[in-house]
């Protein structure tokens, strides 16, 4: 129950990203794509990283595609595989919002707590929270 509450509180705190026209999930997707080689990932891999279903990632990506933050790319060899590609506009939006997100993260977890953060990160990763 505490994990659920903390997740809700953190998501709400990240509502500050609405000033950039995006929500927390949008930011996570942009983060993952900018970390990915060539700025692209298979849709199913992106869904797995976030911990949602294939249809869930499609629902999240549709509005992002409409505004031009991401695009679709087909696989030449396998028509069943499609990629999500970070657009230049999406990359710029991520860069613009990253400082705000970093500042907010420092408010949530102060610098002096880094030892505790490492232990918490290891615990969450062991529970399946291996987004990074």
Protein backbone atom coordinates (compact mmCIF):
# COMPACT_ATOMS: atom_id res chain seq x y z
CA UNK A 1 0.00 0.00 0.00
CA UNK A 2 2.87 2.36 0.75
CA UNK A 3 4.39 1.75 -2.69
CA UNK A 4 1.08 2.63 -4.31
CA UNK A 5 0.79 5.81 -2.26
CA UNK A 6 4.37 6.88 -3.03
CA UNK A 7 3.82 6.25 -6.75
CA UNK A 8 0.69 8.41 -6.69
CA UNK A 9 2.44 11.21 -4.78
CA UNK A 10 5.44 11.22 -7.12
CA UNK A 11 3.24 11.19 -10.23
CA UNK A 12 1.25 14.10 -8.85
CA UNK A 13 4.43 16.06 -8.10
CA UNK A 14 5.53 15.54 -11.69
CA UNK A 15 2.34 17.22 -12.88
CA UNK A 16 4.59 20.29 -13.15
CA UNK A 17 5.56 18.81 -16.55
CA UNK A 18 2.10 19.83 -17.76
CA UNK A 19 3.66 23.25 -18.31
CA UNK A 20 5.51 21.59 -21.22
CA UNK A 21 2.29 20.03 -22.52
CA UNK A 22 3.09 16.53 -21.31
CA UNK A 23 2.45 14.19 -18.44
CA UNK A 24 4.80 12.02 -16.44
CA UNK A 25 4.28 8.98 -18.71
CA UNK A 26 5.15 11.09 -21.74
CA UNK A 27 8.35 12.19 -20.02
CA UNK A 28 9.29 8.59 -19.20
CA UNK A 29 8.77 7.57 -22.84
CA UNK A 30 10.88 10.47 -24.10
CA UNK A 31 13.56 9.62 -21.51
CA UNK A 32 13.73 5.98 -22.61
CA UNK A 33 13.83 6.87 -26.29
CA UNK A 34 16.59 9.42 -25.89
CA UNK A 35 18.62 6.76 -24.03
CA UNK A 36 18.01 4.15 -26.75
CA UNK A 37 20.45 3.57 -29.61
CA UNK A 38 19.45 5.74 -32.60
CA UNK A 39 16.59 7.15 -30.48
CA UNK A 40 14.29 4.26 -31.26
CA UNK A 41 12.87 1.15 -29.62
CA UNK A 42 10.52 -1.64 -30.56
CA UNK A 43 7.05 -0.85 -29.24
CA UNK A 44 6.90 -4.07 -27.25
CA UNK A 45 10.28 -3.35 -25.62
CA UNK A 46 9.15 0.14 -24.68
CA UNK A 47 5.95 -1.27 -23.17
CA UNK A 48 7.98 -3.83 -21.21
CA UNK A 49 10.37 -1.18 -19.87
CA UNK A 50 7.44 0.89 -18.61
CA UNK A 51 5.57 -2.14 -17.30
CA UNK A 52 2.43 -1.89 -19.42
CA UNK A 53 0.76 -3.91 -22.15
CA UNK A 54 1.27 -3.53 -25.89
CA UNK A 55 -2.17 -1.94 -26.21
CA UNK A 56 -1.34 0.37 -23.28
CA UNK A 57 1.76 1.70 -25.03
CA UNK A 58 -0.24 2.25 -28.20
CA UNK A 59 -2.75 4.36 -26.24
CA UNK A 60 0.08 6.43 -24.73
CA UNK A 61 1.88 6.90 -28.04
CA UNK A 62 -1.06 7.99 -30.19
CA UNK A 63 -1.28 11.55 -28.83
CA UNK A 64 2.53 11.81 -28.84
CA UNK A 65 2.55 10.85 -32.52
CA UNK A 66 -0.18 13.38 -33.32
CA UNK A 67 1.82 16.28 -31.87
CA UNK A 68 5.05 15.08 -33.49
CA UNK A 69 7.14 14.02 -30.48
CA UNK A 70 7.53 10.46 -31.78
CA UNK A 71 6.92 8.62 -35.02
CA UNK A 72 6.47 5.05 -36.21
CA UNK A 73 8.96 3.13 -38.23
CA UNK A 74 8.37 -0.26 -39.80
CA UNK A 75 10.91 -3.03 -39.87
CA UNK A 76 11.89 -3.83 -43.45
CA UNK A 77 12.44 -7.50 -42.67
CA UNK A 78 9.45 -8.16 -40.41
CA UNK A 79 6.15 -6.32 -40.93
CA UNK A 80 4.97 -7.43 -37.47
CA UNK A 81 7.67 -5.32 -35.80
CA UNK A 82 7.38 -1.56 -35.51
CA UNK A 83 9.59 0.96 -33.82
CA UNK A 84 8.90 4.13 -31.90
CA UNK A 85 11.31 6.84 -33.01
CA UNK A 86 12.11 10.00 -31.08
CA UNK A 87 11.57 13.01 -33.34
CA UNK A 88 13.70 16.17 -33.24
CA UNK A 89 10.72 17.94 -31.60
CA UNK A 90 10.51 15.16 -28.98
CA UNK A 91 14.23 15.37 -28.30
CA UNK A 92 13.98 19.16 -27.86
CA UNK A 93 10.97 18.80 -25.55
CA UNK A 94 12.87 16.27 -23.45
CA UNK A 95 15.90 18.56 -23.19
CA UNK A 96 13.67 21.52 -22.26
CA UNK A 97 11.83 19.59 -19.54
CA UNK A 98 14.78 17.58 -18.17
CA UNK A 99 16.05 20.38 -15.92
CA UNK A 100 12.61 20.79 -14.37
CA UNK A 101 12.33 17.02 -13.82
CA UNK A 102 15.85 16.86 -12.34
CA UNK A 103 15.05 19.72 -9.94
CA UNK A 104 11.84 18.00 -8.91
CA UNK A 105 13.64 14.71 -8.34
CA UNK A 106 16.08 16.51 -6.02
CA UNK A 107 13.15 17.93 -4.07
CA UNK A 108 11.68 14.45 -3.68
CA UNK A 109 14.99 12.77 -2.78
CA UNK A 110 17.55 15.23 -1.36
CA UNK A 111 21.23 14.83 -2.31
CA UNK A 112 22.27 13.80 1.20
CA UNK A 113 20.20 10.64 0.95
CA UNK A 114 22.24 9.05 -1.86
CA UNK A 115 23.21 6.03 0.26
CA UNK A 116 19.53 5.33 0.92
CA UNK A 117 18.71 5.93 -2.76
CA UNK A 118 21.13 3.26 -3.88
CA UNK A 119 19.56 0.70 -1.56
CA UNK A 120 16.06 1.74 -2.65
CA UNK A 121 17.02 1.57 -6.33
CA UNK A 122 18.39 -1.94 -5.87
CA UNK A 123 15.24 -3.00 -4.01
CA UNK A 124 12.92 -1.58 -6.67
CA UNK A 125 14.98 -3.09 -9.48
CA UNK A 126 14.74 -6.48 -7.80
CA UNK A 127 10.96 -6.08 -7.72
CA UNK A 128 10.84 -5.48 -11.49
CA UNK A 129 11.37 -1.73 -11.59
CA UNK A 130 14.35 -1.97 -13.92
CA UNK A 131 13.48 0.96 -16.19
CA UNK A 132 17.03 2.27 -16.42
